[in-house]
C-alpha cells in the first residue's frame, strides 16, 4: 500500500514524457508533412484498444487469471506495461486534439497540445491517485470518534473493492467502444 502513490507517480511521469517527447513532435510533423497518415495512426491505436479490451473480456470469460507477482521487478513490469498502454491512449487523445486545432497555425497547435498533455495527465492520474488511496481515507475516518464519520469511513472501505471492480468493467467497455468507434469512423 505504501508504494501505490509512487507507482502512480512513475506512470504519470512516463505518460507526460510520452506525450511531450514522442507523441507531440511526431503528431505535429505528421500533421504538417503527411496529414493523411493521422487517420491510419488512429486506426492502429483503435485496433490496439479493441484488442486489449477483447483480451480482458476473453480472460474474464475463460477464467484465465494472470498470476499476481510481487516485489520490485513486478512493480517495474506494472509501471512499464502501464506506460506502454498509456502511450497508445495518449497518442489517440493527442491526435484527436490535434484534429480539432489542425486549422490553426503551428504555434497555436503546439500550445494547445501541450495544454492537453498536462491537463489530461493531471486529471487522469489525479483521479487514479485518489481512488487507490480512498480505502486509507476510509480507514482513518473509521477510527474517528464521531459515529457518523466512522460509518462513512467503514462505507468507503467496504465500497472501494466494488468501485474498483466497476471501474475495471467500465474501462474495458470504454476500450472496446473507443477502439471500435475510431475504426468505424476512419474506415
N, C-alpha and C. Protein backbone atom coordinates (compact mmCIF):
# COMPACT_ATOMS: atom_id res chain seq x y z
N UNK A 1 0.82 -1.20 0.00
CA UNK A 1 0.00 0.00 0.00
C UNK A 1 0.86 1.26 0.00
N UNK A 2 2.00 1.21 0.67
CA UNK A 2 2.84 2.41 0.73
C UNK A 2 3.49 2.75 -0.61
N UNK A 3 3.49 1.83 -1.55
CA UNK A 3 4.09 2.06 -2.86
C UNK A 3 3.08 2.55 -3.91
N UNK A 4 1.80 2.56 -3.57
CA UNK A 4 0.77 2.89 -4.57
C UNK A 4 0.99 4.24 -5.22
N UNK A 5 1.15 5.28 -4.42
CA UNK A 5 1.30 6.63 -4.98
C UNK A 5 2.60 6.76 -5.77
N UNK A 6 3.65 6.07 -5.34
CA UNK A 6 4.91 6.08 -6.08
C UNK A 6 4.73 5.47 -7.47
N UNK A 7 3.99 4.39 -7.53
CA UNK A 7 3.72 3.74 -8.82
C UNK A 7 2.89 4.66 -9.72
N UNK A 8 1.84 5.26 -9.16
CA UNK A 8 1.01 6.19 -9.94
C UNK A 8 1.86 7.35 -10.43
N UNK A 9 2.73 7.86 -9.59
CA UNK A 9 3.60 8.98 -9.98
C UNK A 9 4.54 8.57 -11.12
N UNK A 10 5.13 7.39 -11.03
CA UNK A 10 6.02 6.91 -12.09
C UNK A 10 5.28 6.79 -13.42
N UNK A 11 4.06 6.27 -13.36
CA UNK A 11 3.26 6.12 -14.59
C UNK A 11 2.88 7.50 -15.13
N UNK A 12 2.49 8.42 -14.26
CA UNK A 12 2.12 9.77 -14.71
C UNK A 12 3.31 10.47 -15.36
N UNK A 13 4.50 10.34 -14.77
CA UNK A 13 5.69 10.95 -15.36
C UNK A 13 6.02 10.30 -16.71
N UNK A 14 5.85 8.99 -16.80
CA UNK A 14 6.05 8.31 -18.09
C UNK A 14 5.04 8.78 -19.12
N UNK A 15 3.83 9.02 -18.66
CA UNK A 15 2.77 9.49 -19.55
C UNK A 15 3.09 10.87 -20.11
N UNK A 16 3.49 11.78 -19.24
CA UNK A 16 3.79 13.14 -19.71
C UNK A 16 5.02 13.12 -20.62
N UNK A 17 5.98 12.27 -20.30
CA UNK A 17 7.16 12.12 -21.16
C UNK A 17 6.74 11.60 -22.54
N UNK A 18 5.88 10.59 -22.56
CA UNK A 18 5.37 10.06 -23.85
C UNK A 18 4.73 11.17 -24.67
N UNK A 19 3.88 11.95 -24.01
CA UNK A 19 3.12 12.99 -24.72
C UNK A 19 4.03 14.09 -25.27
N UNK A 20 4.95 14.57 -24.43
CA UNK A 20 5.75 15.74 -24.82
C UNK A 20 6.96 15.39 -25.69
N UNK A 21 7.60 14.27 -25.43
CA UNK A 21 8.83 13.94 -26.15
C UNK A 21 8.57 13.13 -27.41
N UNK A 22 7.61 12.22 -27.37
CA UNK A 22 7.40 11.35 -28.52
C UNK A 22 6.17 11.74 -29.35
N UNK A 23 5.02 11.82 -28.69
CA UNK A 23 3.76 11.99 -29.43
C UNK A 23 3.63 13.39 -30.03
N UNK A 24 3.89 14.42 -29.24
CA UNK A 24 3.70 15.79 -29.70
C UNK A 24 4.54 16.10 -30.94
N UNK A 25 5.85 15.87 -30.92
CA UNK A 25 6.61 16.18 -32.14
C UNK A 25 6.18 15.32 -33.33
N UNK A 26 5.93 14.04 -33.09
CA UNK A 26 5.53 13.16 -34.19
C UNK A 26 4.19 13.61 -34.77
N UNK A 27 3.25 13.94 -33.92
CA UNK A 27 1.92 14.36 -34.41
C UNK A 27 2.02 15.66 -35.20
N UNK A 28 2.79 16.62 -34.70
CA UNK A 28 2.92 17.90 -35.41
C UNK A 28 3.63 17.72 -36.75
N UNK A 29 4.67 16.90 -36.77
CA UNK A 29 5.38 16.66 -38.03
C UNK A 29 4.49 15.95 -39.03
N UNK A 30 3.79 14.92 -38.57
CA UNK A 30 2.88 14.20 -39.47
C UNK A 30 1.77 15.10 -39.96
N UNK A 31 1.22 15.91 -39.08
CA UNK A 31 0.15 16.82 -39.47
C UNK A 31 0.62 17.81 -40.53
N UNK A 32 1.88 18.21 -40.44
CA UNK A 32 2.40 19.18 -41.40
C UNK A 32 2.80 18.52 -42.72
N UNK A 33 3.48 17.36 -42.65
CA UNK A 33 4.04 16.75 -43.86
C UNK A 33 3.21 15.60 -44.43
N UNK A 34 2.55 14.82 -43.58
CA UNK A 34 1.77 13.67 -44.02
C UNK A 34 0.44 13.57 -43.28
N UNK A 35 -0.44 14.56 -43.42
CA UNK A 35 -1.68 14.55 -42.64
C UNK A 35 -2.58 13.35 -42.94
N UNK A 36 -2.46 12.76 -44.10
CA UNK A 36 -3.28 11.59 -44.44
C UNK A 36 -2.90 10.37 -43.59
N UNK A 37 -1.73 10.42 -42.97
CA UNK A 37 -1.29 9.30 -42.14
C UNK A 37 -1.95 9.30 -40.76
N UNK A 38 -2.44 10.45 -40.30
CA UNK A 38 -3.03 10.55 -38.96
C UNK A 38 -4.24 9.62 -38.77
N UNK A 39 -5.17 9.54 -39.72
CA UNK A 39 -6.27 8.58 -39.51
C UNK A 39 -5.79 7.12 -39.45
N UNK A 40 -4.73 6.81 -40.17
CA UNK A 40 -4.19 5.44 -40.12
C UNK A 40 -3.60 5.17 -38.75
N UNK A 41 -2.92 6.16 -38.19
CA UNK A 41 -2.37 6.01 -36.84
C UNK A 41 -3.50 5.84 -35.84
N UNK A 42 -4.56 6.62 -36.01
CA UNK A 42 -5.73 6.46 -35.14
C UNK A 42 -6.30 5.05 -35.25
N UNK A 43 -6.34 4.52 -36.45
CA UNK A 43 -6.89 3.17 -36.64
C UNK A 43 -6.00 2.10 -36.00
N UNK A 44 -4.69 2.28 -36.09
CA UNK A 44 -3.78 1.33 -35.44
C UNK A 44 -4.01 1.37 -33.93
N UNK A 45 -4.10 2.57 -33.38
CA UNK A 45 -4.37 2.71 -31.95
C UNK A 45 -5.73 2.16 -31.57
N UNK A 46 -6.73 2.42 -32.41
CA UNK A 46 -8.08 1.88 -32.16
C UNK A 46 -8.08 0.37 -32.17
N UNK A 47 -7.32 -0.21 -33.09
CA UNK A 47 -7.20 -1.68 -33.15
C UNK A 47 -6.56 -2.22 -31.88
N UNK A 48 -5.51 -1.53 -31.41
CA UNK A 48 -4.85 -1.93 -30.17
C UNK A 48 -5.82 -1.86 -28.99
N UNK A 49 -6.57 -0.77 -28.90
CA UNK A 49 -7.54 -0.64 -27.80
C UNK A 49 -8.59 -1.74 -27.86
N UNK A 50 -9.10 -2.00 -29.06
CA UNK A 50 -10.11 -3.06 -29.21
C UNK A 50 -9.51 -4.42 -28.84
N UNK A 51 -8.27 -4.66 -29.24
CA UNK A 51 -7.60 -5.92 -28.89
C UNK A 51 -7.44 -6.05 -27.38
N UNK A 52 -6.95 -4.98 -26.73
CA UNK A 52 -6.78 -5.01 -25.27
C UNK A 52 -8.11 -5.26 -24.56
N UNK A 53 -9.16 -4.59 -25.02
CA UNK A 53 -10.48 -4.80 -24.43
C UNK A 53 -10.96 -6.23 -24.64
N UNK A 54 -10.79 -6.74 -25.86
CA UNK A 54 -11.21 -8.11 -26.16
C UNK A 54 -10.41 -9.12 -25.34
N UNK A 55 -9.13 -8.84 -25.16
CA UNK A 55 -8.29 -9.73 -24.36
C UNK A 55 -8.77 -9.78 -22.91
N UNK A 56 -9.16 -8.63 -22.37
CA UNK A 56 -9.68 -8.59 -21.00
C UNK A 56 -11.00 -9.38 -20.89
N UNK A 57 -11.86 -9.22 -21.89
CA UNK A 57 -13.12 -9.98 -21.90
C UNK A 57 -12.82 -11.48 -21.99
N UNK A 58 -11.89 -11.85 -22.85
CA UNK A 58 -11.53 -13.26 -23.02
C UNK A 58 -11.01 -13.85 -21.71
N UNK A 59 -10.12 -13.13 -21.03
CA UNK A 59 -9.60 -13.62 -19.76
C UNK A 59 -10.71 -13.79 -18.73
N UNK A 60 -11.64 -12.85 -18.73
CA UNK A 60 -12.75 -12.93 -17.78
C UNK A 60 -13.65 -14.13 -18.08
N UNK A 61 -13.98 -14.32 -19.36
CA UNK A 61 -14.88 -15.41 -19.74
C UNK A 61 -14.22 -16.79 -19.63
N UNK A 62 -12.91 -16.85 -19.94
CA UNK A 62 -12.23 -18.15 -19.92
C UNK A 62 -11.77 -18.54 -18.52
N UNK A 63 -11.78 -17.60 -17.59
CA UNK A 63 -11.35 -17.91 -16.23
C UNK A 63 -9.84 -17.90 -16.06
N UNK A 64 -9.10 -17.55 -17.11
CA UNK A 64 -7.64 -17.47 -17.02
C UNK A 64 -7.26 -16.16 -16.36
N UNK A 65 -6.75 -16.26 -15.16
CA UNK A 65 -6.30 -15.07 -14.46
C UNK A 65 -4.79 -15.08 -14.42
N UNK A 66 -4.17 -13.96 -14.79
CA UNK A 66 -2.70 -13.92 -14.72
C UNK A 66 -2.23 -14.02 -13.28
N UNK A 67 -1.07 -14.66 -13.09
CA UNK A 67 -0.51 -14.79 -11.75
C UNK A 67 -0.10 -13.40 -11.24
N UNK A 68 -0.36 -13.18 -9.98
CA UNK A 68 0.00 -11.90 -9.37
C UNK A 68 1.41 -12.02 -8.82
N UNK A 69 2.28 -11.17 -9.35
CA UNK A 69 3.66 -11.16 -8.89
C UNK A 69 3.84 -10.01 -7.90
N UNK A 70 4.84 -10.16 -7.03
CA UNK A 70 5.13 -9.11 -6.06
C UNK A 70 6.62 -8.83 -6.07
N UNK A 71 6.98 -7.65 -5.57
CA UNK A 71 8.38 -7.28 -5.48
C UNK A 71 8.76 -6.20 -6.47
N UNK A 72 10.01 -5.75 -6.38
CA UNK A 72 10.47 -4.64 -7.22
C UNK A 72 10.40 -4.93 -8.72
N UNK A 73 10.74 -6.14 -9.12
CA UNK A 73 10.70 -6.48 -10.55
C UNK A 73 9.26 -6.48 -11.07
N UNK A 74 8.34 -7.00 -10.27
CA UNK A 74 6.93 -6.99 -10.66
C UNK A 74 6.43 -5.56 -10.76
N UNK A 75 6.87 -4.70 -9.85
CA UNK A 75 6.48 -3.29 -9.87
C UNK A 75 6.98 -2.62 -11.15
N UNK A 76 8.22 -2.92 -11.54
CA UNK A 76 8.78 -2.35 -12.78
C UNK A 76 7.97 -2.81 -13.99
N UNK A 77 7.55 -4.08 -13.99
CA UNK A 77 6.73 -4.60 -15.10
C UNK A 77 5.39 -3.88 -15.16
N UNK A 78 4.79 -3.68 -14.00
CA UNK A 78 3.49 -2.99 -13.95
C UNK A 78 3.63 -1.57 -14.49
N UNK A 79 4.66 -0.86 -14.04
CA UNK A 79 4.87 0.52 -14.47
C UNK A 79 5.14 0.57 -15.97
N UNK A 80 6.04 -0.28 -16.47
CA UNK A 80 6.36 -0.22 -17.90
C UNK A 80 5.17 -0.63 -18.76
N UNK A 81 4.41 -1.61 -18.31
CA UNK A 81 3.20 -2.02 -19.05
C UNK A 81 2.15 -0.91 -19.08
N UNK A 82 1.99 -0.25 -17.95
CA UNK A 82 1.01 0.85 -17.88
C UNK A 82 1.45 2.02 -18.75
N UNK A 83 2.75 2.32 -18.75
CA UNK A 83 3.25 3.41 -19.59
C UNK A 83 3.08 3.07 -21.06
N UNK A 84 3.29 1.82 -21.43
CA UNK A 84 3.11 1.38 -22.82
C UNK A 84 1.65 1.53 -23.25
N UNK A 85 0.72 1.08 -22.41
CA UNK A 85 -0.70 1.24 -22.72
C UNK A 85 -1.07 2.72 -22.77
N UNK A 86 -0.52 3.48 -21.84
CA UNK A 86 -0.78 4.92 -21.82
C UNK A 86 -0.27 5.59 -23.10
N UNK A 87 0.83 5.09 -23.65
CA UNK A 87 1.36 5.66 -24.89
C UNK A 87 0.31 5.59 -25.99
N UNK A 88 -0.36 4.45 -26.11
CA UNK A 88 -1.38 4.29 -27.15
C UNK A 88 -2.56 5.22 -26.86
N UNK A 89 -3.05 5.19 -25.63
CA UNK A 89 -4.19 6.05 -25.28
C UNK A 89 -3.83 7.53 -25.44
N UNK A 90 -2.63 7.90 -25.02
CA UNK A 90 -2.20 9.29 -25.15
C UNK A 90 -2.07 9.70 -26.61
N UNK A 91 -1.54 8.80 -27.43
CA UNK A 91 -1.43 9.11 -28.86
C UNK A 91 -2.82 9.36 -29.45
N UNK A 92 -3.77 8.55 -29.07
CA UNK A 92 -5.14 8.73 -29.56
C UNK A 92 -5.69 10.08 -29.13
N UNK A 93 -5.51 10.41 -27.86
CA UNK A 93 -6.02 11.68 -27.33
C UNK A 93 -5.35 12.85 -28.02
N UNK A 94 -4.03 12.78 -28.17
CA UNK A 94 -3.29 13.89 -28.77
C UNK A 94 -3.64 14.06 -30.25
N UNK A 95 -3.82 12.97 -30.98
CA UNK A 95 -4.18 13.08 -32.40
C UNK A 95 -5.59 13.63 -32.55
N UNK A 96 -6.49 13.20 -31.68
CA UNK A 96 -7.86 13.74 -31.72
C UNK A 96 -7.84 15.23 -31.37
N UNK A 97 -7.06 15.60 -30.36
CA UNK A 97 -6.94 17.03 -30.01
C UNK A 97 -6.33 17.82 -31.16
N UNK A 98 -5.33 17.24 -31.82
CA UNK A 98 -4.71 17.92 -32.95
C UNK A 98 -5.72 18.11 -34.08
N UNK A 99 -6.56 17.13 -34.30
CA UNK A 99 -7.56 17.25 -35.36
C UNK A 99 -8.50 18.43 -35.11
N UNK A 100 -8.75 18.73 -33.84
CA UNK A 100 -9.66 19.85 -33.54
C UNK A 100 -9.01 21.21 -33.72
N UNK A 101 -7.66 21.26 -33.72
CA UNK A 101 -6.97 22.54 -33.89
C UNK A 101 -6.10 22.56 -35.15
N UNK A 102 -6.29 21.58 -36.04
CA UNK A 102 -5.42 21.47 -37.22
C UNK A 102 -5.55 22.65 -38.17
N UNK A 103 -6.63 23.38 -38.09
CA UNK A 103 -6.83 24.56 -38.96
C UNK A 103 -6.05 25.78 -38.45
N UNK A 104 -5.54 25.69 -37.22
CA UNK A 104 -4.80 26.82 -36.64
C UNK A 104 -3.33 26.74 -37.04
N UNK A 105 -2.59 27.77 -36.71
CA UNK A 105 -1.16 27.81 -37.01
C UNK A 105 -0.37 26.86 -36.13
N UNK A 106 0.89 26.65 -36.51
CA UNK A 106 1.77 25.71 -35.82
C UNK A 106 1.88 26.02 -34.33
N UNK A 107 2.15 27.27 -33.95
CA UNK A 107 2.37 27.62 -32.55
C UNK A 107 1.10 27.44 -31.73
N UNK A 108 -0.02 27.72 -32.32
CA UNK A 108 -1.29 27.51 -31.64
C UNK A 108 -1.55 26.02 -31.43
N UNK A 109 -1.23 25.22 -32.44
CA UNK A 109 -1.36 23.77 -32.31
C UNK A 109 -0.45 23.25 -31.19
N UNK A 110 0.80 23.71 -31.20
CA UNK A 110 1.77 23.29 -30.19
C UNK A 110 1.28 23.65 -28.79
N UNK A 111 0.86 24.88 -28.63
CA UNK A 111 0.36 25.34 -27.33
C UNK A 111 -0.84 24.52 -26.87
N UNK A 112 -1.78 24.28 -27.78
CA UNK A 112 -2.98 23.50 -27.44
C UNK A 112 -2.62 22.09 -27.01
N UNK A 113 -1.70 21.46 -27.73
CA UNK A 113 -1.34 20.09 -27.40
C UNK A 113 -0.56 19.98 -26.09
N UNK A 114 0.25 20.97 -25.79
CA UNK A 114 0.96 20.97 -24.51
C UNK A 114 -0.06 21.09 -23.37
N UNK A 115 -1.03 21.97 -23.53
CA UNK A 115 -2.08 22.12 -22.51
C UNK A 115 -2.85 20.80 -22.36
N UNK A 116 -3.26 20.21 -23.48
CA UNK A 116 -3.98 18.93 -23.43
C UNK A 116 -3.14 17.87 -22.72
N UNK A 117 -1.84 17.80 -23.04
CA UNK A 117 -0.96 16.80 -22.43
C UNK A 117 -0.96 16.93 -20.91
N UNK A 118 -0.79 18.15 -20.41
CA UNK A 118 -0.74 18.34 -18.96
C UNK A 118 -2.10 18.15 -18.30
N UNK A 119 -3.14 18.72 -18.88
CA UNK A 119 -4.47 18.63 -18.26
C UNK A 119 -4.94 17.17 -18.20
N UNK A 120 -4.80 16.46 -19.30
CA UNK A 120 -5.24 15.05 -19.32
C UNK A 120 -4.44 14.23 -18.32
N UNK A 121 -3.13 14.40 -18.30
CA UNK A 121 -2.29 13.63 -17.38
C UNK A 121 -2.63 13.92 -15.93
N UNK A 122 -2.75 15.19 -15.58
CA UNK A 122 -3.07 15.55 -14.20
C UNK A 122 -4.45 15.05 -13.81
N UNK A 123 -5.41 15.21 -14.70
CA UNK A 123 -6.77 14.77 -14.42
C UNK A 123 -6.83 13.26 -14.23
N UNK A 124 -6.31 12.52 -15.19
CA UNK A 124 -6.40 11.05 -15.13
C UNK A 124 -5.65 10.50 -13.92
N UNK A 125 -4.40 10.88 -13.77
CA UNK A 125 -3.60 10.28 -12.70
C UNK A 125 -3.92 10.88 -11.33
N UNK A 126 -4.49 12.08 -11.30
CA UNK A 126 -5.00 12.61 -10.05
C UNK A 126 -6.18 11.79 -9.54
N UNK A 127 -7.09 11.45 -10.45
CA UNK A 127 -8.23 10.60 -10.08
C UNK A 127 -7.75 9.22 -9.67
N UNK A 128 -6.79 8.66 -10.40
CA UNK A 128 -6.25 7.34 -10.05
C UNK A 128 -5.64 7.37 -8.66
N UNK A 129 -4.85 8.41 -8.38
CA UNK A 129 -4.22 8.52 -7.05
C UNK A 129 -5.28 8.60 -5.95
N UNK A 130 -6.33 9.38 -6.20
CA UNK A 130 -7.41 9.47 -5.20
C UNK A 130 -8.07 8.11 -4.98
N UNK A 131 -8.32 7.40 -6.06
CA UNK A 131 -9.00 6.11 -5.94
C UNK A 131 -8.17 5.08 -5.19
N UNK A 132 -6.86 5.02 -5.48
CA UNK A 132 -6.06 3.99 -4.82
C UNK A 132 -5.84 4.28 -3.35
N UNK A 133 -6.05 5.51 -2.93
CA UNK A 133 -5.87 5.85 -1.52
C UNK A 133 -7.19 6.01 -0.77
N UNK A 134 -8.30 5.86 -1.44
CA UNK A 134 -9.60 6.09 -0.82
C UNK A 134 -9.86 5.12 0.34
N UNK A 135 -9.38 3.88 0.24
CA UNK A 135 -9.59 2.95 1.36
C UNK A 135 -8.80 3.39 2.59
N UNK A 136 -7.63 4.01 2.39
CA UNK A 136 -6.87 4.54 3.52
C UNK A 136 -7.60 5.70 4.18
N UNK A 137 -8.21 6.55 3.37
CA UNK A 137 -9.02 7.65 3.91
C UNK A 137 -10.18 7.07 4.71
N UNK A 138 -10.81 6.04 4.15
CA UNK A 138 -11.91 5.39 4.85
C UNK A 138 -11.48 4.81 6.19
N UNK A 139 -10.30 4.19 6.21
CA UNK A 139 -9.79 3.61 7.45
C UNK A 139 -9.55 4.70 8.50
N UNK A 140 -8.98 5.82 8.08
CA UNK A 140 -8.75 6.93 9.02
C UNK A 140 -10.07 7.48 9.56
N UNK A 141 -11.05 7.60 8.68
CA UNK A 141 -12.37 8.09 9.13
C UNK A 141 -13.02 7.09 10.08
N UNK A 142 -12.86 5.80 9.80
CA UNK A 142 -13.46 4.77 10.66
C UNK A 142 -12.88 4.79 12.07
N UNK A 143 -11.71 5.36 12.24
CA UNK A 143 -11.06 5.41 13.56
C UNK A 143 -11.35 6.70 14.32
N UNK A 144 -12.20 7.54 13.78
CA UNK A 144 -12.55 8.80 14.45
C UNK A 144 -13.57 8.55 15.56
N UNK A 145 -13.84 9.58 16.34
CA UNK A 145 -14.73 9.46 17.49
C UNK A 145 -16.20 9.54 17.12
N UNK A 146 -16.55 10.28 16.13
CA UNK A 146 -17.95 10.50 15.76
C UNK A 146 -18.50 9.30 14.99
N UNK A 147 -19.67 8.79 15.43
CA UNK A 147 -20.22 7.58 14.82
C UNK A 147 -20.59 7.77 13.35
N UNK A 148 -21.05 8.95 12.98
CA UNK A 148 -21.39 9.21 11.57
C UNK A 148 -20.16 9.17 10.68
N UNK A 149 -19.07 9.74 11.18
CA UNK A 149 -17.81 9.74 10.43
C UNK A 149 -17.26 8.32 10.34
N UNK A 150 -17.40 7.57 11.44
CA UNK A 150 -16.96 6.17 11.45
C UNK A 150 -17.73 5.36 10.41
N UNK A 151 -19.04 5.58 10.35
CA UNK A 151 -19.87 4.85 9.38
C UNK A 151 -19.46 5.20 7.94
N UNK A 152 -19.18 6.47 7.70
CA UNK A 152 -18.72 6.89 6.37
C UNK A 152 -17.40 6.20 6.04
N UNK A 153 -16.49 6.16 6.99
CA UNK A 153 -15.20 5.50 6.79
C UNK A 153 -15.35 4.02 6.49
N UNK A 154 -16.18 3.33 7.27
CA UNK A 154 -16.41 1.90 7.02
C UNK A 154 -17.07 1.69 5.66
N UNK A 155 -17.96 2.62 5.30
CA UNK A 155 -18.61 2.54 3.99
C UNK A 155 -17.60 2.67 2.86
N UNK A 156 -16.66 3.60 3.00
CA UNK A 156 -15.62 3.77 1.98
C UNK A 156 -14.76 2.51 1.85
N UNK A 157 -14.34 1.96 2.98
CA UNK A 157 -13.50 0.76 2.97
C UNK A 157 -14.26 -0.40 2.31
N UNK A 158 -15.52 -0.54 2.64
CA UNK A 158 -16.33 -1.62 2.08
C UNK A 158 -16.60 -1.41 0.60
N UNK A 159 -16.81 -0.16 0.21
CA UNK A 159 -17.20 0.14 -1.18
C UNK A 159 -16.04 0.08 -2.17
N UNK A 160 -14.81 0.37 -1.73
CA UNK A 160 -13.71 0.52 -2.68
C UNK A 160 -13.45 -0.71 -3.55
N UNK A 161 -13.46 -1.93 -3.03
CA UNK A 161 -13.27 -3.07 -3.94
C UNK A 161 -14.35 -3.14 -5.02
N UNK A 162 -15.59 -2.81 -4.66
CA UNK A 162 -16.68 -2.81 -5.64
C UNK A 162 -16.50 -1.67 -6.64
N UNK A 163 -16.09 -0.51 -6.16
CA UNK A 163 -15.86 0.64 -7.04
C UNK A 163 -14.76 0.31 -8.04
N UNK A 164 -13.65 -0.25 -7.56
CA UNK A 164 -12.53 -0.59 -8.44
C UNK A 164 -12.92 -1.67 -9.45
N UNK A 165 -13.70 -2.66 -9.02
CA UNK A 165 -14.17 -3.69 -9.94
C UNK A 165 -15.07 -3.08 -11.01
N UNK A 166 -15.93 -2.17 -10.61
CA UNK A 166 -16.82 -1.49 -11.57
C UNK A 166 -16.01 -0.66 -12.55
N UNK A 167 -15.01 0.05 -12.06
CA UNK A 167 -14.15 0.85 -12.93
C UNK A 167 -13.43 -0.05 -13.93
N UNK A 168 -13.02 -1.21 -13.50
CA UNK A 168 -12.36 -2.15 -14.41
C UNK A 168 -13.29 -2.56 -15.54
N UNK A 169 -14.54 -2.87 -15.21
CA UNK A 169 -15.52 -3.25 -16.23
C UNK A 169 -15.81 -2.07 -17.16
N UNK A 170 -16.02 -0.90 -16.58
CA UNK A 170 -16.30 0.30 -17.38
C UNK A 170 -15.11 0.62 -18.28
N UNK A 171 -13.90 0.47 -17.76
CA UNK A 171 -12.69 0.72 -18.56
C UNK A 171 -12.58 -0.23 -19.73
N UNK A 172 -12.92 -1.49 -19.51
CA UNK A 172 -12.89 -2.47 -20.60
C UNK A 172 -13.92 -2.11 -21.67
N UNK A 173 -15.11 -1.77 -21.24
CA UNK A 173 -16.16 -1.36 -22.19
C UNK A 173 -15.71 -0.12 -22.95
N UNK A 174 -15.11 0.82 -22.24
CA UNK A 174 -14.64 2.05 -22.89
C UNK A 174 -13.57 1.75 -23.93
N UNK A 175 -12.64 0.83 -23.62
CA UNK A 175 -11.60 0.47 -24.61
C UNK A 175 -12.24 -0.10 -25.86
N UNK A 176 -13.20 -1.01 -25.68
CA UNK A 176 -13.88 -1.60 -26.83
C UNK A 176 -14.67 -0.56 -27.61
N UNK A 177 -15.36 0.30 -26.89
CA UNK A 177 -16.20 1.32 -27.52
C UNK A 177 -15.35 2.33 -28.29
N UNK A 178 -14.33 2.89 -27.63
CA UNK A 178 -13.49 3.89 -28.27
C UNK A 178 -12.71 3.28 -29.43
N UNK A 179 -12.12 2.12 -29.18
CA UNK A 179 -11.37 1.45 -30.26
C UNK A 179 -12.26 1.15 -31.45
N UNK A 180 -13.43 0.61 -31.21
CA UNK A 180 -14.37 0.30 -32.29
C UNK A 180 -14.85 1.55 -32.99
N UNK A 181 -15.14 2.60 -32.23
CA UNK A 181 -15.61 3.85 -32.82
C UNK A 181 -14.54 4.46 -33.73
N UNK A 182 -13.31 4.48 -33.27
CA UNK A 182 -12.21 5.01 -34.07
C UNK A 182 -12.09 4.23 -35.38
N UNK A 183 -12.18 2.92 -35.29
CA UNK A 183 -12.09 2.10 -36.50
C UNK A 183 -13.24 2.38 -37.46
N UNK A 184 -14.45 2.42 -36.93
CA UNK A 184 -15.62 2.64 -37.79
C UNK A 184 -15.58 4.01 -38.46
N UNK A 185 -15.22 5.05 -37.71
CA UNK A 185 -15.20 6.41 -38.26
C UNK A 185 -14.15 6.53 -39.35
N UNK A 186 -13.00 5.91 -39.14
CA UNK A 186 -11.90 6.08 -40.09
C UNK A 186 -11.91 5.09 -41.24
N UNK A 187 -12.74 4.07 -41.16
CA UNK A 187 -12.85 3.16 -42.30
C UNK A 187 -13.65 3.83 -43.40
